[in-house]
PDB file of N, CA and C in Angstrom:
ATOM      1  N   MET A   1      74.326  27.147 132.523  1.00  0.00           N
ATOM      2  CA  MET A   1      74.093  25.840 131.976  1.00  0.00           C
ATOM      3  C   MET A   1      73.198  25.014 132.894  1.00  0.00           C
ATOM      4  N   LYS A   2      73.412  25.094 134.245  1.00  0.00           N
ATOM      5  CA  LYS A   2      72.585  24.345 135.193  1.00  0.00           C
ATOM      6  C   LYS A   2      71.133  24.833 135.158  1.00  0.00           C
ATOM      7  N   VAL A   3      70.961  26.133 134.981  1.00  0.00           N
ATOM      8  CA  VAL A   3      69.610  26.683 134.942  1.00  0.00           C
ATOM      9  C   VAL A   3      68.856  26.119 133.731  1.00  0.00           C
ATOM     10  N   ARG A   4      69.527  26.051 132.599  1.00  0.00           N
ATOM     11  CA  ARG A   4      68.887  25.537 131.389  1.00  0.00           C
ATOM     12  C   ARG A   4      68.499  24.063 131.569  1.00  0.00           C
ATOM     13  N   ALA A   5      69.357  23.244 132.172  1.00  0.00           N
ATOM     14  CA  ALA A   5      69.060  21.827 132.417  1.00  0.00           C
ATOM     15  C   ALA A   5      67.896  21.693 133.394  1.00  0.00           C
ATOM     16  N   GLY A   6      67.867  22.542 134.413  1.00  0.00           N
ATOM     17  CA  GLY A   6      66.771  22.529 135.375  1.00  0.00           C
ATOM     18  C   GLY A   6      65.455  22.910 134.725  1.00  0.00           C
ATOM     19  N   PHE A   7      65.502  23.890 133.826  1.00  0.00           N
ATOM     20  CA  PHE A   7      64.304  24.313 133.117  1.00  0.00           C
ATOM     21  C   PHE A   7      63.772  23.186 132.235  1.00  0.00           C
ATOM     22  N   ARG A   8      64.688  22.481 131.554  1.00  0.00           N
ATOM     23  CA  ARG A   8      64.266  21.352 130.714  1.00  0.00           C
ATOM     24  C   ARG A   8      63.607  20.261 131.553  1.00  0.00           C
ATOM     25  N   ALA A   9      64.182  19.972 132.711  1.00  0.00           N
ATOM     26  CA  ALA A   9      63.611  18.939 133.584  1.00  0.00           C
ATOM     27  C   ALA A   9      62.228  19.363 134.071  1.00  0.00           C
ATOM     28  N   LEU A  10      62.088  20.632 134.450  1.00  0.00           N
ATOM     29  CA  LEU A  10      60.793  21.140 134.899  1.00  0.00           C
ATOM     30  C   LEU A  10      59.764  21.085 133.775  1.00  0.00           C
ATOM     31  N   THR A  11      60.155  21.445 132.562  1.00  0.00           N
ATOM     32  CA  THR A  11      59.260  21.398 131.413  1.00  0.00           C
ATOM     33  C   THR A  11      58.815  19.970 131.124  1.00  0.00           C
ATOM     34  N   ALA A  12      59.758  19.032 131.164  1.00  0.00           N
ATOM     35  CA  ALA A  12      59.414  17.630 130.912  1.00  0.00           C
ATOM     36  C   ALA A  12      58.470  17.099 131.984  1.00  0.00           C
ATOM     37  N   ALA A  13      58.737  17.437 133.249  1.00  0.00           N
ATOM     38  CA  ALA A  13      57.871  16.975 134.343  1.00  0.00           C
ATOM     39  C   ALA A  13      56.473  17.575 134.219  1.00  0.00           C
ATOM     40  N   SER A  14      56.393  18.843 133.850  1.00  0.00           N
ATOM     41  CA  SER A  14      55.092  19.493 133.689  1.00  0.00           C
ATOM     42  C   SER A  14      54.308  18.856 132.551  1.00  0.00           C
ATOM     43  N   GLY A  15      55.003  18.575 131.444  1.00  0.00           N
ATOM     44  CA  GLY A  15      54.349  17.926 130.311  1.00  0.00           C
ATOM     45  C   GLY A  15      53.830  16.552 130.681  1.00  0.00           C
ATOM     46  N   ALA A  16      54.620  15.792 131.443  1.00  0.00           N
ATOM     47  CA  ALA A  16      54.195  14.455 131.866  1.00  0.00           C
ATOM     48  C   ALA A  16      52.983  14.553 132.787  1.00  0.00           C
ATOM     49  N   ALA A  17      52.977  15.533 133.679  1.00  0.00           N
ATOM     50  CA  ALA A  17      51.844  15.701 134.595  1.00  0.00           C
ATOM     51  C   ALA A  17      50.572  16.044 133.823  1.00  0.00           C
ATOM     52  N   ILE A  18      50.700  16.896 132.801  1.00  0.00           N
ATOM     53  CA  ILE A  18      49.530  17.253 131.992  1.00  0.00           C
ATOM     54  C   ILE A  18      48.992  16.032 131.268  1.00  0.00           C
ATOM     55  N   LEU A  19      49.887  15.212 130.715  1.00  0.00           N
ATOM     56  CA  LEU A  19      49.451  13.993 130.030  1.00  0.00           C
ATOM     57  C   LEU A  19      48.763  13.035 130.988  1.00  0.00           C
ATOM     58  N   LEU A  20      49.275  12.912 132.209  1.00  0.00           N
ATOM     59  CA  LEU A  20      48.638  12.030 133.185  1.00  0.00           C
ATOM     60  C   LEU A  20      47.243  12.511 133.537  1.00  0.00           C
ATOM     61  N   VAL A  21      47.104  13.806 133.757  1.00  0.00           N
ATOM     62  CA  VAL A  21      45.792  14.362 134.099  1.00  0.00           C
ATOM     63  C   VAL A  21      44.835  14.205 132.926  1.00  0.00           C
ATOM     64  N   ALA A  22      45.295  14.492 131.718  1.00  0.00           N
ATOM     65  CA  ALA A  22      44.434  14.342 130.544  1.00  0.00           C
ATOM     66  C   ALA A  22      44.045  12.888 130.349  1.00  0.00           C
ATOM     67  N   GLY A  23      44.971  11.991 130.559  1.00  0.00           N
ATOM     68  CA  GLY A  23      44.675  10.567 130.429  1.00  0.00           C
ATOM     69  C   GLY A  23      43.682  10.107 131.473  1.00  0.00           C
ATOM     70  N   ALA A  24      43.798  10.608 132.690  1.00  0.00           N
ATOM     71  CA  ALA A  24      42.860  10.224 133.747  1.00  0.00           C
ATOM     72  C   ALA A  24      41.463  10.707 133.421  1.00  0.00           C
ATOM     73  N   GLY A  25      41.347  11.898 132.848  1.00  0.00           N
ATOM     74  CA  GLY A  25      40.039  12.416 132.493  1.00  0.00           C
ATOM     75  C   GLY A  25      39.373  11.597 131.407  1.00  0.00           C
ATOM     76  N   SER A  26      40.143  11.194 130.416  1.00  0.00           N
ATOM     77  CA  SER A  26      39.536  10.423 129.344  1.00  0.00           C
ATOM     78  C   SER A  26      39.228   9.003 129.790  1.00  0.00           C
ATOM     79  N   ALA A  27      39.989   8.485 130.734  1.00  0.00           N
ATOM     80  CA  ALA A  27      39.717   7.134 131.223  1.00  0.00           C
ATOM     81  C   ALA A  27      38.380   7.083 131.946  1.00  0.00           C
ATOM     82  N   SER A  28      38.032   8.131 132.657  1.00  0.00           N
ATOM     83  CA  SER A  28      36.764   8.126 133.375  1.00  0.00           C
ATOM     84  C   SER A  28      35.572   8.272 132.433  1.00  0.00           C
ATOM     85  N   ALA A  29      35.824   8.733 131.196  1.00  0.00           N
ATOM     86  CA  ALA A  29      34.733   8.888 130.242  1.00  0.00           C
ATOM     87  C   ALA A  29      34.469   7.606 129.459  1.00  0.00           C
ATOM     88  N   GLN A  30      35.252   6.574 129.665  1.00  0.00           N
ATOM     89  CA  GLN A  30      35.059   5.318 128.948  1.00  0.00           C
ATOM     90  C   GLN A  30      33.844   4.584 129.485  1.00  0.00           C
ATOM     91  N   PRO A  31      33.161   3.838 128.635  1.00  0.00           N
ATOM     92  CA  PRO A  31      32.011   3.059 129.082  1.00  0.00           C
ATOM     93  C   PRO A  31      32.399   1.988 130.086  1.00  0.00           C
ATOM     94  N   ALA A  32      31.447   1.561 130.878  1.00  0.00           N
ATOM     95  CA  ALA A  32      31.679   0.516 131.866  1.00  0.00           C
ATOM     96  C   ALA A  32      31.909  -0.821 131.177  1.00  0.00           C
ATOM     97  N   GLY A  33      32.283  -1.820 131.954  1.00  0.00           N
ATOM     98  CA  GLY A  33      32.551  -3.145 131.411  1.00  0.00           C
ATOM     99  C   GLY A  33      31.356  -3.731 130.676  1.00  0.00           C
ATOM    100  N   LYS A  34      31.610  -4.668 129.788  1.00  0.00           N
ATOM    101  CA  LYS A  34      30.563  -5.225 128.937  1.00  0.00           C
ATOM    102  C   LYS A  34      29.488  -5.974 129.719  1.00  0.00           C
ATOM    103  N   SER A  35      29.802  -6.458 130.910  1.00  0.00           N
ATOM    104  CA  SER A  35      28.812  -7.235 131.651  1.00  0.00           C
ATOM    105  C   SER A  35      27.857  -6.356 132.456  1.00  0.00           C
ATOM    106  N   ALA A  36      28.186  -5.080 132.635  1.00  0.00           N
ATOM    107  CA  ALA A  36      27.355  -4.188 133.443  1.00  0.00           C
ATOM    108  C   ALA A  36      26.171  -3.661 132.635  1.00  0.00           C
ATOM    109  N   TYR A  37      25.022  -3.563 133.275  1.00  0.00           N
ATOM    110  CA  TYR A  37      23.873  -2.944 132.621  1.00  0.00           C
ATOM    111  C   TYR A  37      24.142  -1.456 132.457  1.00  0.00           C
ATOM    112  N   ILE A  38      23.686  -0.891 131.367  1.00  0.00           N
ATOM    113  CA  ILE A  38      23.920   0.519 131.069  1.00  0.00           C
ATOM    114  C   ILE A  38      22.766   1.317 131.662  1.00  0.00           C
ATOM    115  N   SER A  39      23.058   2.072 132.702  1.00  0.00           N
ATOM    116  CA  SER A  39      21.995   2.732 133.459  1.00  0.00           C
ATOM    117  C   SER A  39      21.328   3.889 132.700  1.00  0.00           C
ATOM    118  N   CYS A  40      22.005   4.465 131.713  1.00  0.00           N
ATOM    119  CA  CYS A  40      21.404   5.590 130.990  1.00  0.00           C
ATOM    120  C   CYS A  40      20.625   5.144 129.754  1.00  0.00           C
ATOM    121  N   ILE A  41      20.517   3.833 129.524  1.00  0.00           N
ATOM    122  CA  ILE A  41      19.603   3.303 128.504  1.00  0.00           C
ATOM    123  C   ILE A  41      18.297   3.011 129.236  1.00  0.00           C
ATOM    124  N   ASP A  42      17.306   3.850 129.020  1.00  0.00           N
ATOM    125  CA  ASP A  42      16.066   3.778 129.796  1.00  0.00           C
ATOM    126  C   ASP A  42      14.954   3.062 129.042  1.00  0.00           C
ATOM    127  N   LYS A  43      14.220   2.223 129.781  1.00  0.00           N
ATOM    128  CA  LYS A  43      13.019   1.599 129.225  1.00  0.00           C
ATOM    129  C   LYS A  43      11.932   2.665 129.192  1.00  0.00           C
ATOM    130  N   VAL A  44      11.362   2.889 128.026  1.00  0.00           N
ATOM    131  CA  VAL A  44      10.324   3.917 127.905  1.00  0.00           C
ATOM    132  C   VAL A  44       8.951   3.324 127.615  1.00  0.00           C
ATOM    133  N   TRP A  45       8.910   2.045 127.195  1.00  0.00           N
ATOM    134  CA  TRP A  45       7.619   1.453 126.880  1.00  0.00           C
ATOM    135  C   TRP A  45       7.743  -0.054 126.909  1.00  0.00           C
ATOM    136  N   GLU A  46       6.750  -0.719 127.492  1.00  0.00           N
ATOM    137  CA  GLU A  46       6.681  -2.177 127.453  1.00  0.00           C
ATOM    138  C   GLU A  46       5.228  -2.543 127.243  1.00  0.00           C
ATOM    139  N   GLU A  47       4.984  -3.467 126.307  1.00  0.00           N
ATOM    140  CA  GLU A  47       3.605  -3.873 126.052  1.00  0.00           C
ATOM    141  C   GLU A  47       3.560  -5.342 125.651  1.00  0.00           C
ATOM    142  N   GLY A  48       2.401  -5.929 125.818  1.00  0.00           N
ATOM    143  CA  GLY A  48       2.158  -7.292 125.361  1.00  0.00           C
ATOM    144  C   GLY A  48       1.289  -7.253 124.124  1.00  0.00           C
ATOM    145  N   GLY A  49       1.494  -8.233 123.270  1.00  0.00           N
ATOM    146  CA  GLY A  49       0.704  -8.293 122.043  1.00  0.00           C
ATOM    147  C   GLY A  49      -0.538  -9.139 122.262  1.00  0.00           C
ATOM    148  N   LEU A  50      -0.858  -9.954 121.293  1.00  0.00           N
ATOM    149  CA  LEU A  50      -1.990 -10.855 121.455  1.00  0.00           C
ATOM    150  C   LEU A  50      -1.787 -11.643 122.739  1.00  0.00           C
ATOM    151  N   PRO A  51      -2.818 -11.819 123.554  1.00  0.00           N
ATOM    152  CA  PRO A  51      -2.649 -12.461 124.856  1.00  0.00           C
ATOM    153  C   PRO A  51      -1.867 -13.776 124.776  1.00  0.00           C
ATOM    154  N   GLY A  52      -0.752 -13.802 125.515  1.00  0.00           N
ATOM    155  CA  GLY A  52       0.050 -15.004 125.609  1.00  0.00           C
ATOM    156  C   GLY A  52       0.993 -15.267 124.451  1.00  0.00           C
ATOM    157  N   LEU A  53       1.095 -14.355 123.481  1.00  0.00           N
ATOM    158  CA  LEU A  53       1.942 -14.633 122.328  1.00  0.00           C
ATOM    159  C   LEU A  53       3.273 -13.882 122.325  1.00  0.00           C
ATOM    160  N   TRP A  54       3.285 -12.593 122.604  1.00  0.00           N
ATOM    161  CA  TRP A  54       4.528 -11.845 122.554  1.00  0.00           C
ATOM    162  C   TRP A  54       4.494 -10.626 123.471  1.00  0.00           C
ATOM    163  N   LYS A  55       5.673 -10.081 123.675  1.00  0.00           N
ATOM    164  CA  LYS A  55       5.858  -8.881 124.489  1.00  0.00           C
ATOM    165  C   LYS A  55       6.933  -8.045 123.801  1.00  0.00           C
ATOM    166  N   SER A  56       6.839  -6.736 123.894  1.00  0.00           N
ATOM    167  CA  SER A  56       7.881  -5.875 123.334  1.00  0.00           C
ATOM    168  C   SER A  56       8.304  -4.835 124.362  1.00  0.00           C
ATOM    169  N   VAL A  57       9.532  -4.370 124.206  1.00  0.00           N
ATOM    170  CA  VAL A  57      10.043  -3.303 125.062  1.00  0.00           C
ATOM    171  C   VAL A  57      10.780  -2.304 124.172  1.00  0.00           C
ATOM    172  N   THR A  58      10.618  -1.032 124.487  1.00  0.00           N
ATOM    173  CA  THR A  58      11.316   0.041 123.777  1.00  0.00           C
ATOM    174  C   THR A  58      12.237   0.738 124.769  1.00  0.00           C
ATOM    175  N   VAL A  59      13.489   0.921 124.349  1.00  0.00           N
ATOM    176  CA  VAL A  59      14.472   1.618 125.179  1.00  0.00           C
ATOM    177  C   VAL A  59      14.972   2.846 124.436  1.00  0.00           C
ATOM    178  N   GLU A  60      15.461   3.815 125.197  1.00  0.00           N
ATOM    179  CA  GLU A  60      15.980   5.050 124.614  1.00  0.00           C
ATOM    180  C   GLU A  60      17.364   5.328 125.175  1.00  0.00           C
ATOM    181  N   ASN A  61      18.269   5.798 124.314  1.00  0.00           N
ATOM    182  CA  ASN A  61      19.632   6.140 124.733  1.00  0.00           C
ATOM    183  C   ASN A  61      19.652   7.566 125.270  1.00  0.00           C
ATOM    184  N   ASN A  62      19.713   7.692 126.595  1.00  0.00           N
ATOM    185  CA  ASN A  62      19.817   8.996 127.251  1.00  0.00           C
ATOM    186  C   ASN A  62      21.232   9.220 127.772  1.00  0.00           C
ATOM    187  N   CYS A  63      22.193   8.533 127.169  1.00  0.00           N
ATOM    188  CA  CYS A  63      23.597   8.621 127.562  1.00  0.00           C
ATOM    189  C   CYS A  63      24.275   9.783 126.838  1.00  0.00           C
ATOM    190  N   ALA A  64      25.538  10.014 127.176  1.00  0.00           N
ATOM    191  CA  ALA A  64      26.319  11.071 126.537  1.00  0.00           C
ATOM    192  C   ALA A  64      26.983  10.600 125.254  1.00  0.00           C
ATOM    193  N   TRP A  65      26.942   9.298 124.966  1.00  0.00           N
ATOM    194  CA  TRP A  65      27.578   8.759 123.763  1.00  0.00           C
ATOM    195  C   TRP A  65      26.767   7.605 123.201  1.00  0.00           C
ATOM    196  N   ASN A  66      27.117   7.202 121.990  1.00  0.00           N
ATOM    197  CA  ASN A  66      26.458   6.071 121.330  1.00  0.00           C
ATOM    198  C   ASN A  66      26.923   4.768 121.956  1.00  0.00           C
ATOM    199  N   TYR A  67      26.068   3.764 121.940  1.00  0.00           N
ATOM    200  CA  TYR A  67      26.412   2.446 122.459  1.00  0.00           C
ATOM    201  C   TYR A  67      25.997   1.366 121.479  1.00  0.00           C
ATOM    202  N   GLU A  68      26.792   0.316 121.378  1.00  0.00           N
ATOM    203  CA  GLU A  68      26.378  -0.909 120.707  1.00  0.00           C
ATOM    204  C   GLU A  68      25.829  -1.785 121.829  1.00  0.00           C
ATOM    205  N   ILE A  69      24.528  -2.068 121.773  1.00  0.00           N
ATOM    206  CA  ILE A  69      23.865  -2.748 122.889  1.00  0.00           C
ATOM    207  C   ILE A  69      23.126  -3.998 122.434  1.00  0.00           C
ATOM    208  N   LYS A  70      22.784  -4.812 123.407  1.00  0.00           N
ATOM    209  CA  LYS A  70      21.781  -5.850 123.212  1.00  0.00           C
ATOM    210  C   LYS A  70      20.880  -5.808 124.432  1.00  0.00           C
ATOM    211  N   LEU A  71      19.613  -6.133 124.226  1.00  0.00           N
ATOM    212  CA  LEU A  71      18.655  -6.150 125.324  1.00  0.00           C
ATOM    213  C   LEU A  71      18.624  -7.562 125.892  1.00  0.00           C
ATOM    214  N   VAL A  72      18.679  -7.659 127.209  1.00  0.00           N
ATOM    215  CA  VAL A  72      18.740  -8.942 127.903  1.00  0.00           C
ATOM    216  C   VAL A  72      17.364  -9.249 128.484  1.00  0.00           C
ATOM    217  N   TRP A  73      16.914 -10.483 128.257  1.00  0.00           N
ATOM    218  CA  TRP A  73      15.610 -10.942 128.722  1.00  0.00           C
ATOM    219  C   TRP A  73      15.766 -12.166 129.612  1.00  0.00           C
ATOM    220  N   ASN A  74      14.918 -12.290 130.641  1.00  0.00           N
ATOM    221  CA  ASN A  74      14.754 -13.542 131.385  1.00  0.00           C
ATOM    222  C   ASN A  74      13.737 -14.380 130.615  1.00  0.00           C
ATOM    223  N   ASN A  75      13.951 -15.678 130.532  1.00  0.00           N
ATOM    224  CA  ASN A  75      13.008 -16.603 129.871  1.00  0.00           C
ATOM    225  C   ASN A  75      12.737 -16.251 128.419  1.00  0.00           C
ATOM    226  N   GLY A  76      13.742 -15.692 127.751  1.00  0.00           N
ATOM    227  CA  GLY A  76      13.594 -15.350 126.339  1.00  0.00           C
ATOM    228  C   GLY A  76      14.949 -15.116 125.711  1.00  0.00           C
ATOM    229  N   SER A  77      14.967 -14.932 124.408  1.00  0.00           N
ATOM    230  CA  SER A  77      16.219 -14.697 123.677  1.00  0.00           C
ATOM    231  C   SER A  77      16.620 -13.237 123.775  1.00  0.00           C
ATOM    232  N   ASP A  78      17.921 -12.998 124.007  1.00  0.00           N
ATOM    233  CA  ASP A  78      18.427 -11.631 123.991  1.00  0.00           C
ATOM    234  C   ASP A  78      18.353 -11.085 122.568  1.00  0.00           C
ATOM    235  N   SER A  79      18.284  -9.782 122.452  1.00  0.00           N
ATOM    236  CA  SER A  79      18.209  -9.158 121.124  1.00  0.00           C
ATOM    237  C   SER A  79      19.567  -9.274 120.427  1.00  0.00           C
ATOM    238  N   PRO A  80      19.584  -9.054 119.108  1.00  0.00           N
ATOM    239  CA  PRO A  80      20.878  -8.954 118.433  1.00  0.00           C
ATOM    240  C   PRO A  80      21.549  -7.632 118.833  1.00  0.00           C
ATOM    241  N   CYS A  81      22.849  -7.518 118.576  1.00  0.00           N
ATOM    242  CA  CYS A  81      23.559  -6.263 118.859  1.00  0.00           C
ATOM    243  C   CYS A  81      23.038  -5.172 117.936  1.00  0.00           C
ATOM    244  N   LYS A  82      22.925  -3.975 118.481  1.00  0.00           N
ATOM    245  CA  LYS A  82      22.343  -2.844 117.747  1.00  0.00           C
ATOM    246  C   LYS A  82      23.072  -1.577 118.173  1.00  0.00           C
ATOM    247  N   LEU A  83      23.509  -0.758 117.202  1.00  0.00           N
ATOM    248  CA  LEU A  83      24.090   0.536 117.522  1.00  0.00           C
ATOM    249  C   LEU A  83      22.952   1.484 117.870  1.00  0.00           C
ATOM    250  N   LEU A  84      22.960   1.986 119.091  1.00  0.00           N
ATOM    251  CA  LEU A  84      21.912   2.907 119.540  1.00  0.00           C
ATOM    252  C   LEU A  84      22.544   4.268 119.771  1.00  0.00           C
ATOM    253  N   ARG A  85      22.210   5.194 118.901  1.00  0.00           N
ATOM    254  CA  ARG A  85      22.780   6.544 118.969  1.00  0.00           C
ATOM    255  C   ARG A  85      22.082   7.366 120.052  1.00  0.00           C
ATOM    256  N   VAL A  86      22.765   8.393 120.505  1.00  0.00           N
ATOM    257  CA  VAL A  86      22.242   9.283 121.545  1.00  0.00           C
ATOM    258  C   VAL A  86      20.877   9.827 121.128  1.00  0.00           C
ATOM    259  N   GLY A  87      19.899   9.730 122.044  1.00  0.00           N
ATOM    260  CA  GLY A  87      18.559  10.258 121.799  1.00  0.00           C
ATOM    261  C   GLY A  87      17.656   9.366 120.964  1.00  0.00           C
ATOM    262  N   ARG A  88      18.163   8.240 120.474  1.00  0.00           N
ATOM    263  CA  ARG A  88      17.366   7.336 119.648  1.00  0.00           C
ATOM    264  C   ARG A  88      16.762   6.227 120.491  1.00  0.00           C
ATOM    265  N   SER A  89      15.758   5.551 119.938  1.00  0.00           N
ATOM    266  CA  SER A  89      15.121   4.441 120.641  1.00  0.00           C
ATOM    267  C   SER A  89      15.223   3.170 119.808  1.00  0.00           C
ATOM    268  N   TYR A  90      14.979   2.045 120.468  1.00  0.00           N
ATOM    269  CA  TYR A  90      15.048   0.725 119.843  1.00  0.00           C
ATOM    270  C   TYR A  90      13.994  -0.160 120.488  1.00  0.00           C
ATOM    271  N   THR A  91      13.259  -0.915 119.670  1.00  0.00           N
ATOM    272  CA  THR A  91      12.220  -1.814 120.166  1.00  0.00           C
ATOM    273  C   THR A  91      12.599  -3.245 119.825  1.00  0.00           C
ATOM    274  N   ASP A  92      12.441  -4.143 120.809  1.00  0.00           N
ATOM    275  CA  ASP A  92      12.698  -5.562 120.608  1.00  0.00           C
ATOM    276  C   ASP A  92      11.484  -6.343 121.082  1.00  0.00           C
ATOM    277  N   GLU A  93      11.184  -7.440 120.388  1.00  0.00           N
ATOM    278  CA  GLU A  93      10.056  -8.300 120.753  1.00  0.00           C
ATOM    279  C   GLU A  93      10.562  -9.632 121.262  1.00  0.00           C
ATOM    280  N   ASN A  94       9.755 -10.264 122.122  1.00  0.00           N
ATOM    281  CA  ASN A  94      10.103 -11.562 122.688  1.00  0.00           C
ATOM    282  C   ASN A  94       8.824 -12.331 123.005  1.00  0.00           C
ATOM    283  N   THR A  95       8.992 -13.496 123.598  1.00  0.00           N
ATOM    284  CA  THR A  95       7.823 -14.297 123.966  1.00  0.00           C
ATOM    285  C   THR A  95       7.105 -13.653 125.154  1.00  0.00           C
ATOM    286  N   SER A  96       5.874 -14.019 125.359  1.00  0.00           N
ATOM    287  CA  SER A  96       5.084 -13.406 126.419  1.00  0.00           C
ATOM    288  C   SER A  96       5.592 -13.746 127.813  1.00  0.00           C
ATOM    289  N   VAL A  97       6.299 -14.865 127.981  1.00  0.00           N
ATOM    290  CA  VAL A  97       6.798 -15.230 129.310  1.00  0.00           C
ATOM    291  C   VAL A  97       8.112 -14.533 129.640  1.00  0.00           C
ATOM    292  N   ALA A  98       8.733 -13.865 128.669  1.00  0.00           N
ATOM    293  CA  ALA A  98      10.000 -13.181 128.890  1.00  0.00           C
ATOM    294  C   ALA A  98       9.785 -11.907 129.706  1.00  0.00           C
ATOM    295  N   THR A  99      10.780 -11.567 130.513  1.00  0.00           N
ATOM    296  CA  THR A  99      10.777 -10.295 131.240  1.00  0.00           C
ATOM    297  C   THR A  99      12.070  -9.561 130.929  1.00  0.00           C
ATOM    298  N   TYR A 100      11.955  -8.288 130.671  1.00  0.00           N
ATOM    299  CA  TYR A 100      13.092  -7.461 130.303  1.00  0.00           C
ATOM    300  C   TYR A 100      13.987  -7.224 131.512  1.00  0.00           C
ATOM    301  N   LYS A 101      15.321  -7.450 131.352  1.00  0.00           N
ATOM    302  CA  LYS A 101      16.271  -7.224 132.438  1.00  0.00           C
ATOM    303  C   LYS A 101      17.039  -5.918 132.277  1.00  0.00           C
ATOM    304  N   GLY A 102      17.486  -5.605 131.053  1.00  0.00           N
ATOM    305  CA  GLY A 102      18.259  -4.383 130.850  1.00  0.00           C
ATOM    306  C   GLY A 102      19.079  -4.454 129.586  1.00  0.00           C
ATOM    307  N   ALA A 103      19.852  -3.386 129.341  1.00  0.00           N
ATOM    308  CA  ALA A 103      20.704  -3.290 128.161  1.00  0.00           C
ATOM    309  C   ALA A 103      22.161  -3.439 128.585  1.00  0.00           C
ATOM    310  N   VAL A 104      22.934  -4.186 127.797  1.00  0.00           N
ATOM    311  CA  VAL A 104      24.368  -4.378 128.053  1.00  0.00           C
ATOM    312  C   VAL A 104      25.144  -4.062 126.782  1.00  0.00           C
ATOM    313  N   HIS A 105      26.452  -3.828 126.956  1.00  0.00           N
ATOM    314  CA  HIS A 105      27.356  -3.613 125.824  1.00  0.00           C
ATOM    315  C   HIS A 105      27.509  -4.894 125.016  1.00  0.00           C
ATOM    316  N   CYS A 106      27.664  -4.770 123.722  1.00  0.00           N
ATOM    317  CA  CYS A 106      27.975  -5.924 122.866  1.00  0.00           C
ATOM    318  C   CYS A 106      29.477  -6.116 122.794  1.00  0.00           C
TER     319      CYS A 106
END
């Protein structure tokens, strides 16, 4: 009878340890906080339009998962939130005085 109780305790402890390890692995795969710039969203193109009127930037999702992002600009309006799937790109336009800062979570 003691052996059976010991086996049950060992089984329960092993199951709990597996859940903890699995939970730790999935926690590390979660995206960073919403205020952090997403480093795997890469700027691939930036250009100006008619002199002094507008500027555009194109970014590409080189991450392992999809992100809902907005592009952040200095001296200009941030983009609306946009779902950017893995391997896809997104272009946003702004005023000519704006400078692109990066992509953040929405």
